[in-house]
Amino acid sequence: MKKRLKVLLGLVMMSMFLFGAVAFAATDFTQLGFSKVVAEREIEAGEAAKMSHSGIKIQIPEGAFTNDVTFQVLEGDNKTFQNVAPAGETVIMNFAFRVIDLETNEIIGSFKKPLTFSFKDKDVNKGSIYYNYKIDGTIANNNAASVIDGRTLTHPVAGAPVGWFITSPTKNIKK
């Protein structure tokens, strides 16, 4: 387990290096198919926090936010994202974050420290793919920093400039 943690931390650092210079645009993903708030929590400035919902676990490290925030996990209908998923892949979960700075009332697009997102489900397997869902409706494979351990996919998240969905090969979906 320590080796996997080291690999995940290394990937987080690599992601921060690769994407650190990118300005994250703050977007309200409720307007882009992620219409339901499925989990919400107020987090005080500097506070570490944990959230979970239906197979999702989110670990927010101490110091991720400099102001108090409302952290929301959003989901939409998998059918919406199935329309853009590659052939032979089935969308098994979708999500986005809306993080509202309670001092400025603005949506935050990037975090001071990356959080850890994980999803455990019977349909997660070595063939699962973690996609970015961009604001223009296009997708990009984001598996570079994902770790799949059994039925759990874990991924570091340094900001919320995109939404996400996870697929598995259609032939591997358990009925």
N, C-alpha and C. Protein backbone atom coordinates (compact mmCIF):
# COMPACT_ATOMS: atom_id res chain seq x y z
N MET A 1 0.82 -1.18 0.00
CA MET A 1 0.00 0.00 0.00
C MET A 1 0.87 1.26 0.00
N LYS A 2 2.00 1.22 0.73
CA LYS A 2 2.89 2.39 0.77
C LYS A 2 3.42 2.70 -0.62
N LYS A 3 3.72 1.66 -1.39
CA LYS A 3 4.23 1.87 -2.75
C LYS A 3 3.18 2.58 -3.60
N ARG A 4 1.92 2.17 -3.49
CA ARG A 4 0.85 2.80 -4.26
C ARG A 4 0.68 4.26 -3.85
N LEU A 5 0.77 4.52 -2.56
CA LEU A 5 0.67 5.89 -2.06
C LEU A 5 1.80 6.74 -2.61
N LYS A 6 3.02 6.19 -2.64
CA LYS A 6 4.16 6.93 -3.19
C LYS A 6 3.94 7.21 -4.67
N VAL A 7 3.41 6.22 -5.40
CA VAL A 7 3.14 6.41 -6.83
C VAL A 7 2.10 7.51 -7.00
N LEU A 8 1.02 7.44 -6.21
CA LEU A 8 -0.03 8.45 -6.31
C LEU A 8 0.50 9.84 -5.98
N LEU A 9 1.30 9.96 -4.93
CA LEU A 9 1.87 11.26 -4.57
C LEU A 9 2.80 11.77 -5.66
N GLY A 10 3.57 10.87 -6.25
CA GLY A 10 4.45 11.26 -7.36
C GLY A 10 3.64 11.77 -8.54
N LEU A 11 2.52 11.11 -8.82
CA LEU A 11 1.67 11.55 -9.92
C LEU A 11 1.02 12.90 -9.61
N VAL A 12 0.66 13.11 -8.35
CA VAL A 12 0.11 14.41 -7.94
C VAL A 12 1.13 15.51 -8.20
N MET A 13 2.36 15.27 -7.78
CA MET A 13 3.41 16.27 -7.96
C MET A 13 3.65 16.53 -9.45
N MET A 14 3.65 15.45 -10.26
CA MET A 14 3.84 15.60 -11.70
C MET A 14 2.69 16.41 -12.28
N SER A 15 1.45 16.13 -11.85
CA SER A 15 0.30 16.88 -12.34
C SER A 15 0.41 18.36 -11.98
N MET A 16 0.84 18.62 -10.76
CA MET A 16 0.99 20.02 -10.34
C MET A 16 2.05 20.72 -11.18
N PHE A 17 3.14 20.03 -11.47
CA PHE A 17 4.20 20.62 -12.29
C PHE A 17 3.69 20.86 -13.71
N LEU A 18 3.03 19.86 -14.29
CA LEU A 18 2.56 19.97 -15.67
C LEU A 18 1.45 20.99 -15.84
N PHE A 19 0.55 21.07 -14.85
CA PHE A 19 -0.61 21.91 -15.00
C PHE A 19 -0.58 23.15 -14.11
N GLY A 20 0.49 23.33 -13.37
CA GLY A 20 0.59 24.44 -12.43
C GLY A 20 0.50 25.80 -13.09
N ALA A 21 0.99 25.93 -14.31
CA ALA A 21 0.98 27.22 -14.98
C ALA A 21 -0.34 27.49 -15.70
N VAL A 22 -1.22 26.50 -15.74
CA VAL A 22 -2.49 26.66 -16.43
C VAL A 22 -3.45 27.43 -15.53
N ALA A 23 -4.05 28.46 -16.06
CA ALA A 23 -5.06 29.20 -15.30
C ALA A 23 -6.37 28.42 -15.37
N PHE A 24 -6.93 28.09 -14.23
CA PHE A 24 -8.17 27.34 -14.18
C PHE A 24 -9.34 28.32 -14.20
N ALA A 25 -10.20 28.16 -15.18
CA ALA A 25 -11.39 28.99 -15.25
C ALA A 25 -12.45 28.40 -14.33
N ALA A 26 -13.12 29.25 -13.59
CA ALA A 26 -14.19 28.81 -12.71
C ALA A 26 -15.47 28.71 -13.52
N THR A 27 -16.12 27.56 -13.46
CA THR A 27 -17.32 27.31 -14.25
C THR A 27 -18.40 26.73 -13.36
N ASP A 28 -19.64 27.11 -13.63
CA ASP A 28 -20.78 26.51 -12.94
C ASP A 28 -21.24 25.32 -13.77
N PHE A 29 -20.83 24.14 -13.35
CA PHE A 29 -21.11 22.93 -14.12
C PHE A 29 -22.55 22.47 -14.02
N THR A 30 -23.37 23.12 -13.19
CA THR A 30 -24.79 22.77 -13.17
C THR A 30 -25.42 23.12 -14.52
N GLN A 31 -24.80 24.00 -15.26
CA GLN A 31 -25.30 24.40 -16.57
C GLN A 31 -24.78 23.50 -17.70
N LEU A 32 -23.92 22.54 -17.36
CA LEU A 32 -23.28 21.71 -18.39
C LEU A 32 -23.55 20.21 -18.20
N GLY A 33 -24.70 19.89 -17.64
CA GLY A 33 -25.07 18.49 -17.51
C GLY A 33 -24.92 17.90 -16.13
N PHE A 34 -24.25 18.59 -15.23
CA PHE A 34 -24.08 18.12 -13.85
C PHE A 34 -25.09 18.87 -12.98
N SER A 35 -26.35 18.55 -13.13
CA SER A 35 -27.42 19.38 -12.60
C SER A 35 -27.80 19.13 -11.14
N LYS A 36 -27.39 18.01 -10.56
CA LYS A 36 -27.80 17.67 -9.20
C LYS A 36 -26.67 17.86 -8.20
N VAL A 37 -26.95 18.55 -7.10
CA VAL A 37 -26.01 18.63 -5.98
C VAL A 37 -26.27 17.37 -5.14
N VAL A 38 -25.27 16.45 -5.11
CA VAL A 38 -25.46 15.19 -4.40
C VAL A 38 -24.76 15.16 -3.05
N ALA A 39 -23.87 16.10 -2.82
CA ALA A 39 -23.19 16.22 -1.52
C ALA A 39 -22.73 17.67 -1.38
N GLU A 40 -22.77 18.16 -0.16
CA GLU A 40 -22.39 19.56 0.09
C GLU A 40 -21.86 19.67 1.51
N ARG A 41 -20.84 20.51 1.65
CA ARG A 41 -20.26 20.73 2.97
C ARG A 41 -19.60 22.10 3.01
N GLU A 42 -19.78 22.80 4.12
CA GLU A 42 -19.03 24.03 4.34
C GLU A 42 -17.70 23.65 4.98
N ILE A 43 -16.63 24.21 4.44
CA ILE A 43 -15.28 23.91 4.91
C ILE A 43 -14.63 25.22 5.31
N GLU A 44 -14.12 25.27 6.53
CA GLU A 44 -13.46 26.47 7.01
C GLU A 44 -12.09 26.62 6.37
N ALA A 45 -11.63 27.85 6.25
CA ALA A 45 -10.31 28.12 5.67
C ALA A 45 -9.25 27.26 6.36
N GLY A 46 -8.46 26.57 5.56
CA GLY A 46 -7.36 25.77 6.08
C GLY A 46 -7.75 24.40 6.59
N GLU A 47 -9.04 24.13 6.77
CA GLU A 47 -9.52 22.88 7.36
C GLU A 47 -9.36 21.69 6.40
N ALA A 48 -8.98 20.54 6.95
CA ALA A 48 -9.03 19.28 6.20
C ALA A 48 -10.45 18.75 6.32
N ALA A 49 -10.91 18.06 5.29
CA ALA A 49 -12.28 17.54 5.33
C ALA A 49 -12.39 16.27 4.50
N LYS A 50 -13.44 15.52 4.78
CA LYS A 50 -13.76 14.32 4.01
C LYS A 50 -15.23 14.39 3.65
N MET A 51 -15.52 13.92 2.44
CA MET A 51 -16.90 13.84 1.98
C MET A 51 -17.07 12.50 1.29
N SER A 52 -18.30 12.00 1.30
CA SER A 52 -18.56 10.76 0.56
C SER A 52 -20.01 10.76 0.10
N HIS A 53 -20.23 10.02 -0.99
CA HIS A 53 -21.58 9.86 -1.55
C HIS A 53 -21.54 8.71 -2.55
N SER A 54 -22.32 7.68 -2.29
CA SER A 54 -22.57 6.63 -3.27
C SER A 54 -21.32 6.13 -4.01
N GLY A 55 -20.34 5.66 -3.26
CA GLY A 55 -19.11 5.13 -3.86
C GLY A 55 -18.00 6.15 -4.03
N ILE A 56 -18.33 7.43 -3.90
CA ILE A 56 -17.34 8.51 -4.03
C ILE A 56 -16.78 8.83 -2.65
N LYS A 57 -15.47 9.02 -2.59
CA LYS A 57 -14.83 9.55 -1.39
C LYS A 57 -13.92 10.69 -1.82
N ILE A 58 -13.99 11.78 -1.09
CA ILE A 58 -13.16 12.94 -1.38
C ILE A 58 -12.43 13.32 -0.10
N GLN A 59 -11.10 13.40 -0.21
CA GLN A 59 -10.28 13.82 0.92
C GLN A 59 -9.67 15.16 0.57
N ILE A 60 -10.03 16.16 1.35
CA ILE A 60 -9.55 17.52 1.13
C ILE A 60 -8.47 17.79 2.16
N PRO A 61 -7.26 18.09 1.71
CA PRO A 61 -6.17 18.29 2.67
C PRO A 61 -6.25 19.64 3.38
N GLU A 62 -5.63 19.69 4.51
CA GLU A 62 -5.50 20.95 5.25
C GLU A 62 -4.81 21.96 4.34
N GLY A 63 -5.34 23.17 4.28
CA GLY A 63 -4.71 24.23 3.49
C GLY A 63 -5.16 24.30 2.04
N ALA A 64 -6.16 23.52 1.66
CA ALA A 64 -6.62 23.54 0.26
C ALA A 64 -7.31 24.86 -0.09
N PHE A 65 -7.92 25.50 0.93
CA PHE A 65 -8.66 26.75 0.69
C PHE A 65 -8.24 27.81 1.69
N THR A 66 -8.04 29.03 1.20
CA THR A 66 -7.62 30.12 2.08
C THR A 66 -8.81 30.84 2.71
N ASN A 67 -10.00 30.71 2.14
CA ASN A 67 -11.23 31.27 2.72
C ASN A 67 -12.20 30.13 2.99
N ASP A 68 -13.21 30.38 3.80
CA ASP A 68 -14.27 29.41 3.99
C ASP A 68 -14.96 29.18 2.65
N VAL A 69 -15.37 27.94 2.39
CA VAL A 69 -16.01 27.60 1.12
C VAL A 69 -17.22 26.70 1.36
N THR A 70 -18.11 26.70 0.39
CA THR A 70 -19.13 25.66 0.28
C THR A 70 -18.64 24.75 -0.84
N PHE A 71 -18.43 23.48 -0.51
CA PHE A 71 -17.92 22.50 -1.47
C PHE A 71 -19.09 21.61 -1.87
N GLN A 72 -19.40 21.60 -3.17
CA GLN A 72 -20.51 20.79 -3.67
C GLN A 72 -20.00 19.76 -4.67
N VAL A 73 -20.56 18.57 -4.57
CA VAL A 73 -20.32 17.52 -5.55
C VAL A 73 -21.58 17.47 -6.41
N LEU A 74 -21.36 17.58 -7.71
CA LEU A 74 -22.47 17.60 -8.67
C LEU A 74 -22.45 16.31 -9.51
N GLU A 75 -23.63 15.86 -9.90
CA GLU A 75 -23.75 14.74 -10.83
C GLU A 75 -24.84 15.04 -11.83
N GLY A 76 -24.79 14.34 -12.94
CA GLY A 76 -25.83 14.43 -13.95
C GLY A 76 -26.29 13.04 -14.33
N ASP A 77 -26.97 12.95 -15.44
CA ASP A 77 -27.45 11.67 -15.95
C ASP A 77 -26.33 11.05 -16.80
N ASN A 78 -25.98 9.80 -16.51
CA ASN A 78 -24.92 9.14 -17.28
C ASN A 78 -25.21 9.13 -18.78
N LYS A 79 -26.49 9.13 -19.16
CA LYS A 79 -26.85 9.12 -20.59
C LYS A 79 -26.30 10.35 -21.31
N THR A 80 -26.28 11.48 -20.62
CA THR A 80 -25.75 12.71 -21.21
C THR A 80 -24.30 12.52 -21.64
N PHE A 81 -23.52 11.87 -20.79
CA PHE A 81 -22.09 11.70 -21.05
C PHE A 81 -21.82 10.49 -21.94
N GLN A 82 -22.76 9.54 -21.94
CA GLN A 82 -22.63 8.38 -22.83
C GLN A 82 -22.60 8.84 -24.29
N ASN A 83 -23.30 9.95 -24.57
CA ASN A 83 -23.34 10.48 -25.94
C ASN A 83 -21.97 10.90 -26.46
N VAL A 84 -21.02 11.20 -25.58
CA VAL A 84 -19.68 11.61 -26.03
C VAL A 84 -18.61 10.56 -25.71
N ALA A 85 -19.01 9.49 -25.04
CA ALA A 85 -18.05 8.43 -24.69
C ALA A 85 -17.67 7.64 -25.94
N PRO A 86 -16.44 7.17 -25.99
CA PRO A 86 -16.02 6.36 -27.13
C PRO A 86 -16.83 5.06 -27.25
N ALA A 87 -16.95 4.56 -28.46
CA ALA A 87 -17.65 3.30 -28.71
C ALA A 87 -17.00 2.19 -27.90
N GLY A 88 -17.82 1.31 -27.36
CA GLY A 88 -17.31 0.18 -26.59
C GLY A 88 -17.07 0.48 -25.12
N GLU A 89 -17.34 1.74 -24.71
CA GLU A 89 -17.17 2.13 -23.31
C GLU A 89 -18.52 2.59 -22.76
N THR A 90 -18.79 2.22 -21.51
CA THR A 90 -20.03 2.62 -20.85
C THR A 90 -19.70 3.54 -19.68
N VAL A 91 -20.40 4.66 -19.62
CA VAL A 91 -20.21 5.61 -18.52
C VAL A 91 -20.80 4.99 -17.24
N ILE A 92 -19.95 4.88 -16.21
CA ILE A 92 -20.40 4.30 -14.94
C ILE A 92 -20.56 5.34 -13.84
N MET A 93 -20.03 6.55 -14.08
CA MET A 93 -20.19 7.62 -13.08
C MET A 93 -19.74 8.94 -13.69
N ASN A 94 -20.38 10.02 -13.26
CA ASN A 94 -19.99 11.37 -13.69
C ASN A 94 -20.06 12.29 -12.49
N PHE A 95 -19.24 13.33 -12.51
CA PHE A 95 -19.26 14.28 -11.40
C PHE A 95 -18.53 15.56 -11.79
N ALA A 96 -18.82 16.59 -11.03
CA ALA A 96 -18.10 17.87 -11.14
C ALA A 96 -18.13 18.48 -9.75
N PHE A 97 -17.29 19.48 -9.54
CA PHE A 97 -17.28 20.19 -8.27
C PHE A 97 -17.70 21.63 -8.52
N ARG A 98 -18.43 22.18 -7.56
CA ARG A 98 -18.69 23.62 -7.52
C ARG A 98 -18.27 24.05 -6.13
N VAL A 99 -17.20 24.86 -6.09
CA VAL A 99 -16.65 25.32 -4.82
C VAL A 99 -16.84 26.84 -4.77
N ILE A 100 -17.62 27.28 -3.80
CA ILE A 100 -17.97 28.69 -3.71
C ILE A 100 -17.25 29.32 -2.52
N ASP A 101 -16.45 30.35 -2.82
CA ASP A 101 -15.74 31.12 -1.79
C ASP A 101 -16.80 31.92 -1.02
N LEU A 102 -16.92 31.68 0.27
CA LEU A 102 -17.97 32.34 1.05
C LEU A 102 -17.68 33.80 1.35
N GLU A 103 -16.43 34.23 1.12
CA GLU A 103 -16.10 35.65 1.32
C GLU A 103 -16.44 36.47 0.08
N THR A 104 -16.12 35.92 -1.10
CA THR A 104 -16.34 36.65 -2.35
C THR A 104 -17.60 36.21 -3.10
N ASN A 105 -18.16 35.07 -2.71
CA ASN A 105 -19.31 34.44 -3.37
C ASN A 105 -19.00 34.04 -4.82
N GLU A 106 -17.72 33.84 -5.13
CA GLU A 106 -17.31 33.43 -6.46
C GLU A 106 -16.98 31.94 -6.47
N ILE A 107 -17.14 31.32 -7.65
CA ILE A 107 -16.77 29.92 -7.82
C ILE A 107 -15.26 29.84 -7.96
N ILE A 108 -14.65 28.93 -7.23
CA ILE A 108 -13.20 28.74 -7.25
C ILE A 108 -12.84 27.70 -8.30
N GLY A 109 -11.88 28.00 -9.15
CA GLY A 109 -11.47 27.08 -10.21
C GLY A 109 -10.25 26.25 -9.88
N SER A 110 -9.43 26.67 -8.90
CA SER A 110 -8.24 25.89 -8.56
C SER A 110 -8.08 25.87 -7.04
N PHE A 111 -7.39 24.86 -6.56
CA PHE A 111 -7.21 24.66 -5.12
C PHE A 111 -5.75 24.89 -4.76
N LYS A 112 -5.50 25.31 -3.54
CA LYS A 112 -4.12 25.53 -3.07
C LYS A 112 -3.35 24.22 -2.95
N LYS A 113 -4.06 23.15 -2.62
CA LYS A 113 -3.47 21.81 -2.56
C LYS A 113 -4.46 20.86 -3.21
N PRO A 114 -3.97 19.87 -3.96
CA PRO A 114 -4.90 18.94 -4.61
C PRO A 114 -5.62 18.05 -3.60
N LEU A 115 -6.87 17.77 -3.89
CA LEU A 115 -7.62 16.83 -3.09
C LEU A 115 -7.50 15.45 -3.73
N THR A 116 -7.97 14.43 -3.05
CA THR A 116 -7.95 13.08 -3.60
C THR A 116 -9.38 12.60 -3.77
N PHE A 117 -9.71 12.24 -5.00
CA PHE A 117 -11.01 11.69 -5.34
C PHE A 117 -10.86 10.19 -5.54
N SER A 118 -11.79 9.41 -4.99
CA SER A 118 -11.79 7.98 -5.30
C SER A 118 -13.22 7.52 -5.52
N PHE A 119 -13.35 6.52 -6.36
CA PHE A 119 -14.66 5.95 -6.69
C PHE A 119 -14.53 4.45 -6.65
N LYS A 120 -15.34 3.83 -5.79
CA LYS A 120 -15.37 2.37 -5.67
C LYS A 120 -16.69 1.87 -6.20
N ASP A 121 -16.62 0.91 -7.14
CA ASP A 121 -17.84 0.40 -7.76
C ASP A 121 -17.55 -0.97 -8.37
N LYS A 122 -18.57 -1.78 -8.46
CA LYS A 122 -18.43 -3.12 -9.03
C LYS A 122 -17.96 -3.10 -10.48
N ASP A 123 -18.19 -1.99 -11.19
CA ASP A 123 -17.82 -1.90 -12.60
C ASP A 123 -16.46 -1.24 -12.85
N VAL A 124 -15.78 -0.78 -11.81
CA VAL A 124 -14.42 -0.25 -11.97
C VAL A 124 -13.49 -1.44 -12.15
N ASN A 125 -12.61 -1.35 -13.16
CA ASN A 125 -11.64 -2.40 -13.42
C ASN A 125 -10.44 -1.80 -14.15
N LYS A 126 -9.46 -2.61 -14.45
CA LYS A 126 -8.22 -2.12 -15.09
C LYS A 126 -8.48 -1.43 -16.43
N GLY A 127 -9.63 -1.69 -17.04
CA GLY A 127 -9.97 -1.05 -18.31
C GLY A 127 -10.72 0.25 -18.15
N SER A 128 -11.00 0.66 -16.91
CA SER A 128 -11.74 1.90 -16.68
C SER A 128 -10.91 3.11 -17.10
N ILE A 129 -11.59 4.11 -17.61
CA ILE A 129 -10.91 5.32 -18.08
C ILE A 129 -11.58 6.54 -17.43
N TYR A 130 -10.75 7.46 -16.98
CA TYR A 130 -11.17 8.69 -16.31
C TYR A 130 -11.05 9.82 -17.33
N TYR A 131 -12.17 10.45 -17.69
CA TYR A 131 -12.18 11.48 -18.72
C TYR A 131 -12.47 12.86 -18.13
N ASN A 132 -11.83 13.88 -18.71
CA ASN A 132 -12.21 15.27 -18.47
C ASN A 132 -13.37 15.57 -19.42
N TYR A 133 -14.37 16.26 -18.92
CA TYR A 133 -15.47 16.75 -19.74
C TYR A 133 -15.34 18.26 -19.76
N LYS A 134 -14.90 18.78 -20.91
CA LYS A 134 -14.59 20.20 -21.02
C LYS A 134 -15.86 21.04 -21.22
N ILE A 135 -15.75 22.33 -20.95
CA ILE A 135 -16.91 23.21 -21.05
C ILE A 135 -17.47 23.31 -22.46
N ASP A 136 -16.68 22.96 -23.48
CA ASP A 136 -17.18 22.98 -24.85
C ASP A 136 -17.81 21.65 -25.25
N GLY A 137 -17.94 20.72 -24.30
CA GLY A 137 -18.58 19.43 -24.56
C GLY A 137 -17.66 18.35 -25.11
N THR A 138 -16.37 18.68 -25.28
CA THR A 138 -15.42 17.67 -25.75
C THR A 138 -14.82 16.95 -24.54
N ILE A 139 -14.16 15.83 -24.82
CA ILE A 139 -13.58 15.04 -23.73
C ILE A 139 -12.09 14.82 -23.98
N ALA A 140 -11.38 14.50 -22.91
CA ALA A 140 -9.96 14.17 -22.99
C ALA A 140 -9.66 13.11 -21.93
N ASN A 141 -8.92 12.09 -22.30
CA ASN A 141 -8.51 11.05 -21.36
C ASN A 141 -7.63 11.68 -20.30
N ASN A 142 -7.94 11.42 -19.03
CA ASN A 142 -7.18 11.99 -17.92
C ASN A 142 -6.63 10.87 -17.03
N ASN A 143 -6.31 9.73 -17.60
CA ASN A 143 -5.84 8.60 -16.81
C ASN A 143 -4.39 8.73 -16.36
N ALA A 144 -3.67 9.75 -16.79
CA ALA A 144 -2.25 9.87 -16.47
C ALA A 144 -1.97 9.74 -14.98
N ALA A 145 -2.81 10.30 -14.15
CA ALA A 145 -2.55 10.26 -12.71
C ALA A 145 -3.50 9.33 -11.96
N SER A 146 -4.33 8.56 -12.67
CA SER A 146 -5.27 7.66 -12.01
C SER A 146 -4.59 6.38 -11.56
N VAL A 147 -5.04 5.87 -10.43
CA VAL A 147 -4.58 4.58 -9.93
C VAL A 147 -5.82 3.72 -9.73
N ILE A 148 -5.81 2.53 -10.30
CA ILE A 148 -6.91 1.59 -10.11
C ILE A 148 -6.38 0.45 -9.26
N ASP A 149 -7.05 0.25 -8.13
CA ASP A 149 -6.69 -0.82 -7.19
C ASP A 149 -7.95 -1.64 -6.96
N GLY A 150 -8.03 -2.80 -7.58
CA GLY A 150 -9.23 -3.62 -7.47
C GLY A 150 -10.39 -2.93 -8.12
N ARG A 151 -11.40 -2.58 -7.34
CA ARG A 151 -12.61 -1.93 -7.82
C ARG A 151 -12.66 -0.44 -7.47
N THR A 152 -11.49 0.13 -7.16
CA THR A 152 -11.42 1.54 -6.78
C THR A 152 -10.49 2.31 -7.70
N LEU A 153 -10.98 3.42 -8.24
CA LEU A 153 -10.18 4.34 -9.05
C LEU A 153 -9.91 5.57 -8.19
N THR A 154 -8.64 5.95 -8.09
CA THR A 154 -8.24 7.12 -7.30
C THR A 154 -7.52 8.10 -8.21
N HIS A 155 -7.78 9.39 -7.99
CA HIS A 155 -7.20 10.41 -8.86
C HIS A 155 -7.01 11.71 -8.05
N PRO A 156 -5.86 12.37 -8.19
CA PRO A 156 -5.69 13.69 -7.56
C PRO A 156 -6.42 14.76 -8.37
N VAL A 157 -6.97 15.75 -7.69
CA VAL A 157 -7.70 16.83 -8.36
C VAL A 157 -7.18 18.16 -7.81
N ALA A 158 -6.55 18.95 -8.67
CA ALA A 158 -5.96 20.22 -8.25
C ALA A 158 -6.87 21.42 -8.48
N GLY A 159 -8.00 21.19 -9.14
CA GLY A 159 -8.93 22.28 -9.41
C GLY A 159 -10.15 21.75 -10.10
N ALA A 160 -11.06 22.64 -10.42
CA ALA A 160 -12.32 22.24 -11.03
C ALA A 160 -12.59 22.99 -12.34
N PRO A 161 -11.64 22.95 -13.29
CA PRO A 161 -11.86 23.63 -14.56
C PRO A 161 -12.67 22.80 -15.55
N VAL A 162 -12.91 21.52 -15.21
CA VAL A 162 -13.65 20.60 -16.06
C VAL A 162 -14.53 19.73 -15.17
N GLY A 163 -15.47 19.03 -15.79
CA GLY A 163 -16.21 17.97 -15.10
C GLY A 163 -15.54 16.67 -15.48
N TRP A 164 -16.03 15.56 -14.97
CA TRP A 164 -15.38 14.28 -15.24
C TRP A 164 -16.41 13.18 -15.38
N PHE A 165 -16.02 12.13 -16.10
CA PHE A 165 -16.79 10.90 -16.06
C PHE A 165 -15.84 9.73 -16.20
N ILE A 166 -16.31 8.58 -15.71
CA ILE A 166 -15.51 7.36 -15.72
C ILE A 166 -16.25 6.33 -16.54
N THR A 167 -15.51 5.64 -17.41
CA THR A 167 -16.10 4.57 -18.21
C THR A 167 -15.42 3.25 -17.88
N SER A 168 -16.10 2.18 -18.27
CA SER A 168 -15.50 0.85 -18.26
C SER A 168 -15.87 0.20 -19.57
N PRO A 169 -15.06 -0.75 -20.03
CA PRO A 169 -15.42 -1.44 -21.27
C PRO A 169 -16.82 -2.04 -21.14
N THR A 170 -17.65 -1.81 -22.13
CA THR A 170 -19.05 -2.25 -22.09
C THR A 170 -19.14 -3.75 -21.81
N LYS A 171 -18.25 -4.53 -22.38
CA LYS A 171 -18.29 -5.99 -22.19
C LYS A 171 -18.03 -6.39 -20.74
N ASN A 172 -17.43 -5.50 -19.94
CA ASN A 172 -17.11 -5.81 -18.54
C ASN A 172 -18.14 -5.32 -17.54
N ILE A 173 -19.18 -4.63 -18.01
CA ILE A 173 -20.18 -4.08 -17.10
C ILE A 173 -21.00 -5.24 -16.52
N LYS A 174 -21.12 -5.25 -15.22
CA LYS A 174 -21.87 -6.30 -14.52
C LYS A 174 -23.33 -5.92 -14.47
N LYS A 175 -24.17 -6.80 -14.91
CA LYS A 175 -25.64 -6.54 -14.93
C LYS A 175 -26.24 -6.86 -13.59
